[in-house]
Amino acid sequence: MTETLDFFKNLTPTGYLFLALTAITLFSAIGVVTARNPIYSVLALIATFFCLSGHYVLLNAQFLAAVNIIVYAGAIMVLFLFTIMFLNLRKEDEESKTNLTKMASVIVGGLLMVMLITIFRAKSAQIPTVNQMSFDSKTGLVENLGRLLYNDYILPFELASVLFLVAMVGAVMLGKREAGDRHF
C-alpha cells in the first residue's frame, strides 16, 4: 500500500497526464466492445485513437501521433461509419448472437486479462528508467524516421511498397466488369 502512495507522490505532471490518458483510453476501448449501437462503438474507437495519439506525443513521437490521427481517426473511421450506415444494421442482428458466442468471448477476454496481469507482475517485467544524460529529444521526429527507413530498412520498405502496388492492381482487376456483366 505504501508503494502505491509513494508512486503517486513522485509523479510529475507528465505522469498524471499519462495516467489520465490511460484511463480514458481504457474506458473508451471498453466502450468500443460494449456499445450496442455500432455508431457509438465507432465514436468510442475514435476517442481511443485520439488518446493513443496523446500517448505518442508523450513518448516524443509527434509524427506517429499525427499519422495516427490523420489515417486512423480520419480516413479509416470515416470508412467504418460509411460501411455501418450503408449496411443499415438492425437490432435483430444483435439478437442473432448465441449465448455460446458471448460466453466464448468472455472466456477469451478473461484469459487475456489474466495473462497480461501475470506478465506485468513478473519481476522480469520491470519498467526501464531513462537516463537523462543520454536521452535524445529528437527520437520520434520525421527526419530520424526517414533516415532509419531509407538507410537500415530500405529493403523491407521497398518490398512493402511493391506489396501495396500488387494489392491495388488486384483490387482493380477484381472490380473490373466483364463485357456481359449486368450493371446494378
N, C-alpha and C. Protein backbone atom coordinates (compact mmCIF):
# COMPACT_ATOMS: atom_id res chain seq x y z
N MET A 1 0.82 -1.19 0.00
CA MET A 1 0.00 0.00 0.00
C MET A 1 0.87 1.26 0.00
N THR A 2 1.94 1.21 0.79
CA THR A 2 2.82 2.39 0.84
C THR A 2 3.58 2.58 -0.47
N GLU A 3 3.85 1.46 -1.20
CA GLU A 3 4.50 1.59 -2.50
C GLU A 3 3.61 2.35 -3.47
N THR A 4 2.31 2.11 -3.40
CA THR A 4 1.38 2.81 -4.27
C THR A 4 1.34 4.30 -3.93
N LEU A 5 1.31 4.62 -2.65
CA LEU A 5 1.30 6.03 -2.25
C LEU A 5 2.59 6.73 -2.65
N ASP A 6 3.73 6.03 -2.51
CA ASP A 6 5.00 6.62 -2.94
C ASP A 6 5.01 6.84 -4.44
N PHE A 7 4.39 5.95 -5.18
CA PHE A 7 4.32 6.10 -6.64
C PHE A 7 3.59 7.39 -7.02
N PHE A 8 2.47 7.65 -6.36
CA PHE A 8 1.70 8.86 -6.69
C PHE A 8 2.37 10.13 -6.17
N LYS A 9 3.14 10.04 -5.11
CA LYS A 9 3.84 11.21 -4.59
C LYS A 9 4.96 11.66 -5.52
N ASN A 10 5.58 10.71 -6.20
CA ASN A 10 6.73 11.01 -7.06
C ASN A 10 6.35 11.31 -8.50
N LEU A 11 5.07 11.40 -8.80
CA LEU A 11 4.65 11.65 -10.19
C LEU A 11 4.85 13.10 -10.59
N THR A 12 5.25 13.28 -11.82
CA THR A 12 5.36 14.63 -12.39
C THR A 12 4.04 14.96 -13.09
N PRO A 13 3.85 16.19 -13.55
CA PRO A 13 2.63 16.50 -14.31
C PRO A 13 2.48 15.63 -15.56
N THR A 14 3.60 15.27 -16.18
CA THR A 14 3.53 14.37 -17.34
C THR A 14 3.03 12.99 -16.93
N GLY A 15 3.41 12.54 -15.75
CA GLY A 15 2.94 11.26 -15.24
C GLY A 15 1.44 11.27 -14.99
N TYR A 16 0.94 12.37 -14.44
CA TYR A 16 -0.51 12.49 -14.24
C TYR A 16 -1.25 12.52 -15.58
N LEU A 17 -0.67 13.20 -16.56
CA LEU A 17 -1.28 13.23 -17.90
C LEU A 17 -1.30 11.84 -18.50
N PHE A 18 -0.21 11.08 -18.31
CA PHE A 18 -0.15 9.71 -18.81
C PHE A 18 -1.23 8.85 -18.17
N LEU A 19 -1.39 8.96 -16.85
CA LEU A 19 -2.41 8.17 -16.16
C LEU A 19 -3.82 8.56 -16.61
N ALA A 20 -4.07 9.85 -16.82
CA ALA A 20 -5.39 10.29 -17.28
C ALA A 20 -5.66 9.78 -18.69
N LEU A 21 -4.67 9.90 -19.57
CA LEU A 21 -4.85 9.38 -20.94
C LEU A 21 -5.06 7.88 -20.94
N THR A 22 -4.36 7.18 -20.06
CA THR A 22 -4.51 5.73 -19.98
C THR A 22 -5.91 5.36 -19.52
N ALA A 23 -6.43 6.06 -18.52
CA ALA A 23 -7.78 5.76 -18.02
C ALA A 23 -8.82 6.04 -19.10
N ILE A 24 -8.69 7.17 -19.79
CA ILE A 24 -9.65 7.49 -20.86
C ILE A 24 -9.54 6.48 -21.99
N THR A 25 -8.32 6.06 -22.32
CA THR A 25 -8.12 5.05 -23.37
C THR A 25 -8.80 3.75 -23.00
N LEU A 26 -8.61 3.31 -21.77
CA LEU A 26 -9.23 2.04 -21.35
C LEU A 26 -10.75 2.12 -21.36
N PHE A 27 -11.31 3.22 -20.85
CA PHE A 27 -12.77 3.34 -20.83
C PHE A 27 -13.36 3.43 -22.24
N SER A 28 -12.68 4.15 -23.13
CA SER A 28 -13.21 4.23 -24.49
C SER A 28 -13.02 2.91 -25.23
N ALA A 29 -11.95 2.17 -24.94
CA ALA A 29 -11.77 0.86 -25.57
C ALA A 29 -12.83 -0.12 -25.08
N ILE A 30 -13.17 -0.04 -23.81
CA ILE A 30 -14.25 -0.88 -23.30
C ILE A 30 -15.57 -0.46 -23.94
N GLY A 31 -15.74 0.83 -24.17
CA GLY A 31 -16.95 1.32 -24.84
C GLY A 31 -17.06 0.82 -26.27
N VAL A 32 -15.93 0.61 -26.94
CA VAL A 32 -15.96 0.06 -28.31
C VAL A 32 -16.58 -1.33 -28.29
N VAL A 33 -16.20 -2.12 -27.32
CA VAL A 33 -16.66 -3.51 -27.28
C VAL A 33 -18.07 -3.64 -26.73
N THR A 34 -18.43 -2.80 -25.78
CA THR A 34 -19.71 -2.99 -25.10
C THR A 34 -20.86 -2.17 -25.67
N ALA A 35 -20.59 -1.26 -26.58
CA ALA A 35 -21.67 -0.42 -27.11
C ALA A 35 -22.63 -1.25 -27.95
N ARG A 36 -23.90 -1.04 -27.73
CA ARG A 36 -24.92 -1.76 -28.52
C ARG A 36 -25.09 -1.14 -29.90
N ASN A 37 -25.01 0.17 -29.96
CA ASN A 37 -25.16 0.87 -31.23
C ASN A 37 -23.79 0.93 -31.92
N PRO A 38 -23.69 0.48 -33.17
CA PRO A 38 -22.39 0.49 -33.86
C PRO A 38 -21.82 1.89 -34.05
N ILE A 39 -22.67 2.89 -34.17
CA ILE A 39 -22.18 4.27 -34.32
C ILE A 39 -21.46 4.71 -33.05
N TYR A 40 -22.02 4.38 -31.87
CA TYR A 40 -21.37 4.71 -30.61
C TYR A 40 -20.04 3.96 -30.47
N SER A 41 -20.02 2.73 -30.98
CA SER A 41 -18.79 1.95 -30.94
C SER A 41 -17.70 2.61 -31.77
N VAL A 42 -18.04 3.11 -32.94
CA VAL A 42 -17.06 3.78 -33.79
C VAL A 42 -16.60 5.09 -33.15
N LEU A 43 -17.51 5.82 -32.54
CA LEU A 43 -17.12 7.06 -31.86
C LEU A 43 -16.20 6.79 -30.68
N ALA A 44 -16.45 5.70 -29.96
CA ALA A 44 -15.54 5.33 -28.87
C ALA A 44 -14.17 4.92 -29.42
N LEU A 45 -14.15 4.29 -30.58
CA LEU A 45 -12.88 3.92 -31.21
C LEU A 45 -12.10 5.16 -31.64
N ILE A 46 -12.80 6.17 -32.11
CA ILE A 46 -12.14 7.43 -32.46
C ILE A 46 -11.52 8.06 -31.21
N ALA A 47 -12.25 8.04 -30.10
CA ALA A 47 -11.70 8.57 -28.84
C ALA A 47 -10.47 7.77 -28.41
N THR A 48 -10.49 6.47 -28.62
CA THR A 48 -9.34 5.64 -28.31
C THR A 48 -8.14 6.04 -29.14
N PHE A 49 -8.36 6.28 -30.44
CA PHE A 49 -7.26 6.69 -31.32
C PHE A 49 -6.68 8.04 -30.90
N PHE A 50 -7.52 8.97 -30.51
CA PHE A 50 -7.02 10.27 -30.07
C PHE A 50 -6.20 10.13 -28.78
N CYS A 51 -6.66 9.30 -27.87
CA CYS A 51 -5.89 9.09 -26.63
C CYS A 51 -4.56 8.40 -26.92
N LEU A 52 -4.55 7.46 -27.84
CA LEU A 52 -3.29 6.82 -28.21
C LEU A 52 -2.34 7.82 -28.86
N SER A 53 -2.89 8.75 -29.61
CA SER A 53 -2.04 9.80 -30.18
C SER A 53 -1.45 10.67 -29.07
N GLY A 54 -2.21 10.89 -28.02
CA GLY A 54 -1.66 11.60 -26.87
C GLY A 54 -0.51 10.84 -26.22
N HIS A 55 -0.63 9.53 -26.16
CA HIS A 55 0.48 8.72 -25.65
C HIS A 55 1.70 8.85 -26.55
N TYR A 56 1.49 8.88 -27.86
CA TYR A 56 2.62 9.04 -28.79
C TYR A 56 3.32 10.38 -28.58
N VAL A 57 2.55 11.42 -28.33
CA VAL A 57 3.15 12.73 -28.08
C VAL A 57 3.97 12.69 -26.79
N LEU A 58 3.46 12.01 -25.76
CA LEU A 58 4.22 11.89 -24.52
C LEU A 58 5.50 11.09 -24.72
N LEU A 59 5.51 10.18 -25.69
CA LEU A 59 6.71 9.41 -25.99
C LEU A 59 7.63 10.11 -26.98
N ASN A 60 7.32 11.35 -27.31
CA ASN A 60 8.11 12.18 -28.22
C ASN A 60 8.10 11.62 -29.65
N ALA A 61 6.96 11.09 -30.06
CA ALA A 61 6.79 10.59 -31.42
C ALA A 61 5.68 11.40 -32.08
N GLN A 62 5.97 12.67 -32.36
CA GLN A 62 4.95 13.57 -32.88
C GLN A 62 4.46 13.14 -34.26
N PHE A 63 5.35 12.68 -35.10
CA PHE A 63 4.96 12.25 -36.44
C PHE A 63 3.98 11.08 -36.38
N LEU A 64 4.29 10.11 -35.53
CA LEU A 64 3.41 8.96 -35.37
C LEU A 64 2.04 9.38 -34.83
N ALA A 65 2.02 10.36 -33.95
CA ALA A 65 0.75 10.86 -33.42
C ALA A 65 -0.07 11.52 -34.52
N ALA A 66 0.58 12.33 -35.35
CA ALA A 66 -0.13 12.99 -36.44
C ALA A 66 -0.65 12.00 -37.46
N VAL A 67 0.15 11.01 -37.80
CA VAL A 67 -0.28 9.98 -38.76
C VAL A 67 -1.42 9.17 -38.18
N ASN A 68 -1.36 8.87 -36.89
CA ASN A 68 -2.45 8.12 -36.25
C ASN A 68 -3.76 8.89 -36.33
N ILE A 69 -3.73 10.18 -36.09
CA ILE A 69 -4.95 10.97 -36.15
C ILE A 69 -5.45 11.09 -37.59
N ILE A 70 -4.55 11.37 -38.51
CA ILE A 70 -4.96 11.58 -39.90
C ILE A 70 -5.47 10.29 -40.53
N VAL A 71 -4.69 9.22 -40.39
CA VAL A 71 -5.04 7.97 -41.08
C VAL A 71 -6.15 7.22 -40.36
N TYR A 72 -5.96 6.93 -39.07
CA TYR A 72 -6.92 6.09 -38.38
C TYR A 72 -8.17 6.85 -37.96
N ALA A 73 -8.00 7.92 -37.20
CA ALA A 73 -9.17 8.63 -36.71
C ALA A 73 -9.88 9.37 -37.84
N GLY A 74 -9.16 9.72 -38.88
CA GLY A 74 -9.77 10.42 -40.01
C GLY A 74 -10.32 9.47 -41.05
N ALA A 75 -9.43 8.90 -41.83
CA ALA A 75 -9.83 8.15 -43.01
C ALA A 75 -10.51 6.82 -42.69
N ILE A 76 -9.92 6.02 -41.85
CA ILE A 76 -10.45 4.68 -41.61
C ILE A 76 -11.76 4.75 -40.82
N MET A 77 -11.87 5.66 -39.87
CA MET A 77 -13.12 5.76 -39.11
C MET A 77 -14.26 6.28 -39.98
N VAL A 78 -13.95 7.18 -40.92
CA VAL A 78 -14.99 7.62 -41.85
C VAL A 78 -15.45 6.45 -42.71
N LEU A 79 -14.50 5.61 -43.12
CA LEU A 79 -14.86 4.42 -43.89
C LEU A 79 -15.71 3.47 -43.06
N PHE A 80 -15.36 3.26 -41.78
CA PHE A 80 -16.16 2.41 -40.90
C PHE A 80 -17.58 2.97 -40.75
N LEU A 81 -17.68 4.27 -40.50
CA LEU A 81 -19.01 4.88 -40.35
C LEU A 81 -19.83 4.73 -41.63
N PHE A 82 -19.21 4.95 -42.77
CA PHE A 82 -19.91 4.80 -44.04
C PHE A 82 -20.39 3.37 -44.22
N THR A 83 -19.55 2.40 -43.89
CA THR A 83 -19.93 0.99 -44.04
C THR A 83 -21.06 0.63 -43.10
N ILE A 84 -21.00 1.08 -41.86
CA ILE A 84 -22.06 0.77 -40.91
C ILE A 84 -23.38 1.38 -41.35
N MET A 85 -23.32 2.62 -41.81
CA MET A 85 -24.56 3.26 -42.27
C MET A 85 -25.07 2.62 -43.56
N PHE A 86 -24.16 2.16 -44.39
CA PHE A 86 -24.55 1.52 -45.65
C PHE A 86 -25.21 0.16 -45.39
N LEU A 87 -24.70 -0.57 -44.40
CA LEU A 87 -25.25 -1.89 -44.10
C LEU A 87 -26.60 -1.81 -43.40
N ASN A 88 -26.89 -0.70 -42.76
CA ASN A 88 -28.16 -0.50 -42.06
C ASN A 88 -28.43 -1.63 -41.07
N LEU A 89 -27.53 -1.76 -40.10
CA LEU A 89 -27.66 -2.82 -39.10
C LEU A 89 -28.87 -2.57 -38.23
N ARG A 90 -29.57 -3.65 -37.94
CA ARG A 90 -30.78 -3.55 -37.12
C ARG A 90 -30.58 -4.28 -35.81
N LYS A 91 -31.55 -4.13 -34.93
CA LYS A 91 -31.48 -4.76 -33.62
C LYS A 91 -31.59 -6.28 -33.74
N GLU A 92 -32.26 -6.79 -34.79
CA GLU A 92 -32.39 -8.23 -34.94
C GLU A 92 -31.04 -8.90 -35.16
N ASP A 93 -30.08 -8.17 -35.76
CA ASP A 93 -28.76 -8.72 -35.99
C ASP A 93 -28.02 -8.94 -34.68
N GLU A 94 -28.23 -8.07 -33.70
CA GLU A 94 -27.59 -8.21 -32.39
C GLU A 94 -28.15 -9.42 -31.65
N GLU A 95 -29.44 -9.69 -31.84
CA GLU A 95 -30.06 -10.80 -31.14
C GLU A 95 -29.69 -12.14 -31.74
N SER A 96 -29.06 -12.13 -32.94
CA SER A 96 -28.70 -13.39 -33.57
C SER A 96 -27.47 -14.03 -32.95
N LYS A 97 -26.76 -13.30 -32.09
CA LYS A 97 -25.60 -13.87 -31.41
C LYS A 97 -26.07 -14.86 -30.36
N THR A 98 -25.47 -16.02 -30.37
CA THR A 98 -25.87 -17.04 -29.41
C THR A 98 -25.18 -16.82 -28.09
N ASN A 99 -25.69 -17.48 -27.07
CA ASN A 99 -25.08 -17.39 -25.75
C ASN A 99 -23.71 -18.04 -25.75
N LEU A 100 -23.51 -19.05 -26.61
CA LEU A 100 -22.22 -19.71 -26.70
C LEU A 100 -21.15 -18.75 -27.20
N THR A 101 -21.47 -17.92 -28.18
CA THR A 101 -20.50 -16.95 -28.69
C THR A 101 -20.19 -15.90 -27.64
N LYS A 102 -21.20 -15.45 -26.92
CA LYS A 102 -20.96 -14.46 -25.88
C LYS A 102 -20.09 -15.04 -24.77
N MET A 103 -20.36 -16.28 -24.38
CA MET A 103 -19.59 -16.92 -23.32
C MET A 103 -18.15 -17.16 -23.77
N ALA A 104 -17.95 -17.55 -25.02
CA ALA A 104 -16.60 -17.77 -25.53
C ALA A 104 -15.80 -16.47 -25.55
N SER A 105 -16.44 -15.37 -25.90
CA SER A 105 -15.73 -14.09 -25.91
C SER A 105 -15.36 -13.64 -24.50
N VAL A 106 -16.22 -13.91 -23.53
CA VAL A 106 -15.91 -13.57 -22.14
C VAL A 106 -14.73 -14.41 -21.63
N ILE A 107 -14.71 -15.70 -21.98
CA ILE A 107 -13.63 -16.58 -21.54
C ILE A 107 -12.30 -16.16 -22.17
N VAL A 108 -12.31 -15.87 -23.46
CA VAL A 108 -11.08 -15.46 -24.14
C VAL A 108 -10.58 -14.12 -23.59
N GLY A 109 -11.48 -13.18 -23.36
CA GLY A 109 -11.10 -11.89 -22.78
C GLY A 109 -10.56 -12.05 -21.37
N GLY A 110 -11.16 -12.90 -20.58
CA GLY A 110 -10.67 -13.15 -19.22
C GLY A 110 -9.30 -13.80 -19.21
N LEU A 111 -9.09 -14.77 -20.11
CA LEU A 111 -7.76 -15.39 -20.21
C LEU A 111 -6.70 -14.38 -20.63
N LEU A 112 -7.06 -13.50 -21.55
CA LEU A 112 -6.11 -12.46 -21.97
C LEU A 112 -5.78 -11.52 -20.82
N MET A 113 -6.78 -11.17 -20.03
CA MET A 113 -6.55 -10.29 -18.89
C MET A 113 -5.66 -10.97 -17.86
N VAL A 114 -5.91 -12.23 -17.55
CA VAL A 114 -5.08 -12.96 -16.59
C VAL A 114 -3.65 -13.08 -17.08
N MET A 115 -3.49 -13.34 -18.38
CA MET A 115 -2.15 -13.46 -18.96
C MET A 115 -1.39 -12.14 -18.88
N LEU A 116 -2.07 -11.03 -19.19
CA LEU A 116 -1.40 -9.73 -19.12
C LEU A 116 -1.03 -9.36 -17.68
N ILE A 117 -1.90 -9.66 -16.74
CA ILE A 117 -1.60 -9.35 -15.34
C ILE A 117 -0.41 -10.16 -14.86
N THR A 118 -0.33 -11.43 -15.22
CA THR A 118 0.82 -12.24 -14.78
C THR A 118 2.10 -11.78 -15.45
N ILE A 119 2.04 -11.31 -16.68
CA ILE A 119 3.24 -10.81 -17.35
C ILE A 119 3.73 -9.54 -16.66
N PHE A 120 2.83 -8.62 -16.34
CA PHE A 120 3.24 -7.37 -15.73
C PHE A 120 3.63 -7.50 -14.26
N ARG A 121 3.18 -8.53 -13.61
CA ARG A 121 3.54 -8.72 -12.21
C ARG A 121 4.85 -9.47 -12.06
N ALA A 122 5.34 -10.05 -13.15
CA ALA A 122 6.60 -10.79 -13.07
C ALA A 122 7.74 -9.83 -12.75
N LYS A 123 8.73 -10.33 -12.07
CA LYS A 123 9.87 -9.49 -11.69
C LYS A 123 10.69 -9.09 -12.91
N SER A 124 10.64 -9.88 -13.97
CA SER A 124 11.44 -9.55 -15.16
C SER A 124 10.81 -8.44 -15.98
N ALA A 125 9.58 -8.08 -15.71
CA ALA A 125 8.90 -7.05 -16.50
C ALA A 125 8.99 -5.69 -15.81
N GLN A 126 10.17 -5.31 -15.40
CA GLN A 126 10.37 -4.02 -14.75
C GLN A 126 10.37 -2.92 -15.79
N ILE A 127 9.85 -1.78 -15.44
CA ILE A 127 9.82 -0.64 -16.35
C ILE A 127 11.20 -0.01 -16.37
N PRO A 128 11.81 0.11 -17.55
CA PRO A 128 13.16 0.69 -17.59
C PRO A 128 13.12 2.19 -17.29
N THR A 129 14.19 2.67 -16.68
CA THR A 129 14.29 4.10 -16.40
C THR A 129 15.07 4.77 -17.53
N VAL A 130 14.86 6.05 -17.70
CA VAL A 130 15.50 6.81 -18.76
C VAL A 130 16.67 7.57 -18.17
N ASN A 131 17.82 7.46 -18.80
CA ASN A 131 18.98 8.22 -18.38
C ASN A 131 18.88 9.60 -19.00
N GLN A 132 18.79 10.63 -18.19
CA GLN A 132 18.60 11.99 -18.68
C GLN A 132 19.81 12.49 -19.46
N MET A 133 20.99 11.98 -19.18
CA MET A 133 22.19 12.45 -19.87
C MET A 133 22.28 11.92 -21.30
N SER A 134 21.82 10.68 -21.53
CA SER A 134 21.93 10.09 -22.86
C SER A 134 20.63 10.18 -23.65
N PHE A 135 19.62 10.87 -23.12
CA PHE A 135 18.32 10.97 -23.79
C PHE A 135 18.42 11.92 -24.98
N ASP A 136 17.93 11.46 -26.13
CA ASP A 136 17.90 12.27 -27.35
C ASP A 136 16.48 12.77 -27.56
N SER A 137 16.29 14.07 -27.56
CA SER A 137 14.94 14.63 -27.67
C SER A 137 14.41 14.58 -29.10
N LYS A 138 15.24 14.22 -30.06
CA LYS A 138 14.80 14.16 -31.46
C LYS A 138 14.50 12.73 -31.91
N THR A 139 14.17 11.87 -30.98
CA THR A 139 14.00 10.46 -31.29
C THR A 139 12.82 10.21 -32.23
N GLY A 140 11.65 10.77 -31.97
CA GLY A 140 10.46 10.45 -32.74
C GLY A 140 10.16 11.40 -33.88
N LEU A 141 11.12 12.19 -34.32
CA LEU A 141 10.87 13.16 -35.37
C LEU A 141 10.96 12.51 -36.75
N VAL A 142 10.40 13.18 -37.74
CA VAL A 142 10.30 12.64 -39.09
C VAL A 142 11.68 12.45 -39.72
N GLU A 143 12.58 13.34 -39.45
CA GLU A 143 13.91 13.27 -40.06
C GLU A 143 14.61 11.97 -39.66
N ASN A 144 14.56 11.63 -38.38
CA ASN A 144 15.20 10.40 -37.92
C ASN A 144 14.48 9.17 -38.43
N LEU A 145 13.15 9.23 -38.50
CA LEU A 145 12.39 8.11 -39.03
C LEU A 145 12.73 7.87 -40.49
N GLY A 146 12.80 8.94 -41.30
CA GLY A 146 13.17 8.80 -42.70
C GLY A 146 14.58 8.27 -42.87
N ARG A 147 15.50 8.76 -42.07
CA ARG A 147 16.88 8.28 -42.15
C ARG A 147 16.95 6.79 -41.82
N LEU A 148 16.20 6.36 -40.82
CA LEU A 148 16.19 4.95 -40.45
C LEU A 148 15.54 4.09 -41.54
N LEU A 149 14.40 4.56 -42.08
CA LEU A 149 13.72 3.79 -43.12
C LEU A 149 14.54 3.66 -44.39
N TYR A 150 15.16 4.75 -44.82
CA TYR A 150 15.86 4.73 -46.10
C TYR A 150 17.31 4.27 -46.01
N ASN A 151 17.83 4.05 -44.81
CA ASN A 151 19.18 3.52 -44.68
C ASN A 151 19.16 2.06 -44.22
N ASP A 152 18.65 1.83 -43.02
CA ASP A 152 18.73 0.50 -42.43
C ASP A 152 17.64 -0.45 -42.94
N TYR A 153 16.45 0.09 -43.23
CA TYR A 153 15.31 -0.77 -43.58
C TYR A 153 14.81 -0.49 -45.00
N ILE A 154 15.71 -0.23 -45.94
CA ILE A 154 15.28 0.10 -47.29
C ILE A 154 14.65 -1.10 -47.99
N LEU A 155 15.19 -2.30 -47.81
CA LEU A 155 14.63 -3.48 -48.48
C LEU A 155 13.21 -3.80 -48.00
N PRO A 156 12.94 -3.89 -46.68
CA PRO A 156 11.55 -4.13 -46.27
C PRO A 156 10.61 -2.99 -46.67
N PHE A 157 11.10 -1.76 -46.68
CA PHE A 157 10.28 -0.62 -47.07
C PHE A 157 9.88 -0.73 -48.54
N GLU A 158 10.82 -1.09 -49.40
CA GLU A 158 10.52 -1.23 -50.83
C GLU A 158 9.66 -2.45 -51.09
N LEU A 159 9.88 -3.54 -50.36
CA LEU A 159 9.04 -4.72 -50.53
C LEU A 159 7.59 -4.44 -50.12
N ALA A 160 7.41 -3.63 -49.07
CA ALA A 160 6.05 -3.26 -48.67
C ALA A 160 5.38 -2.41 -49.73
N SER A 161 6.14 -1.52 -50.38
CA SER A 161 5.55 -0.71 -51.45
C SER A 161 5.17 -1.56 -52.65
N VAL A 162 5.97 -2.58 -52.98
CA VAL A 162 5.61 -3.49 -54.07
C VAL A 162 4.37 -4.29 -53.69
N LEU A 163 4.27 -4.70 -52.44
CA LEU A 163 3.09 -5.43 -51.97
C LEU A 163 1.83 -4.58 -52.10
N PHE A 164 1.92 -3.29 -51.73
CA PHE A 164 0.78 -2.40 -51.88
C PHE A 164 0.41 -2.20 -53.34
N LEU A 165 1.40 -2.12 -54.22
CA LEU A 165 1.14 -1.96 -55.65
C LEU A 165 0.41 -3.18 -56.19
N VAL A 166 0.85 -4.37 -55.80
CA VAL A 166 0.19 -5.61 -56.24
C VAL A 166 -1.24 -5.67 -55.70
N ALA A 167 -1.46 -5.22 -54.45
CA ALA A 167 -2.81 -5.22 -53.88
C ALA A 167 -3.72 -4.26 -54.63
N MET A 168 -3.20 -3.09 -55.02
CA MET A 168 -4.02 -2.13 -55.79
C MET A 168 -4.37 -2.69 -57.17
N VAL A 169 -3.40 -3.29 -57.84
CA VAL A 169 -3.67 -3.88 -59.16
C VAL A 169 -4.68 -5.01 -59.02
N GLY A 170 -4.56 -5.83 -57.99
CA GLY A 170 -5.52 -6.92 -57.76
C GLY A 170 -6.92 -6.39 -57.49
N ALA A 171 -7.03 -5.30 -56.73
CA ALA A 171 -8.35 -4.72 -56.46
C ALA A 171 -8.98 -4.17 -57.72
N VAL A 172 -8.17 -3.56 -58.58
CA VAL A 172 -8.70 -3.04 -59.85
C VAL A 172 -9.14 -4.19 -60.73
N MET A 173 -8.36 -5.26 -60.77
CA MET A 173 -8.72 -6.41 -61.62
C MET A 173 -9.97 -7.11 -61.11
N LEU A 174 -10.12 -7.22 -59.80
CA LEU A 174 -11.32 -7.84 -59.25
C LEU A 174 -12.56 -6.97 -59.46
N GLY A 175 -12.39 -5.68 -59.42
CA GLY A 175 -13.51 -4.77 -59.58
C GLY A 175 -13.88 -4.49 -61.03
N LYS A 176 -13.06 -4.92 -61.95
CA LYS A 176 -13.30 -4.67 -63.36
C LYS A 176 -14.45 -5.53 -63.86
N ARG A 177 -15.36 -4.90 -64.61
CA ARG A 177 -16.52 -5.62 -65.13
C ARG A 177 -16.19 -6.26 -66.47
N GLU A 178 -16.76 -7.41 -66.67
CA GLU A 178 -16.64 -8.08 -67.97
C GLU A 178 -17.67 -7.50 -68.93
N ALA A 179 -17.54 -7.82 -70.19
CA ALA A 179 -18.41 -7.25 -71.22
C ALA A 179 -19.88 -7.63 -71.02
N GLY A 180 -20.14 -8.84 -70.55
CA GLY A 180 -21.53 -9.30 -70.43
C GLY A 180 -22.13 -9.11 -69.06
N ASP A 181 -21.41 -8.53 -68.11
CA ASP A 181 -21.94 -8.36 -66.76
C ASP A 181 -23.04 -7.32 -66.71
N ARG A 182 -23.98 -7.54 -65.76
CA ARG A 182 -25.06 -6.58 -65.56
C ARG A 182 -24.59 -5.44 -64.68
N HIS A 183 -25.16 -4.26 -64.88
CA HIS A 183 -24.87 -3.11 -64.04
C HIS A 183 -25.96 -2.99 -63.00
N PHE A 184 -25.59 -2.97 -61.72
CA PHE A 184 -26.58 -2.91 -60.64
C PHE A 184 -26.85 -1.52 -60.25
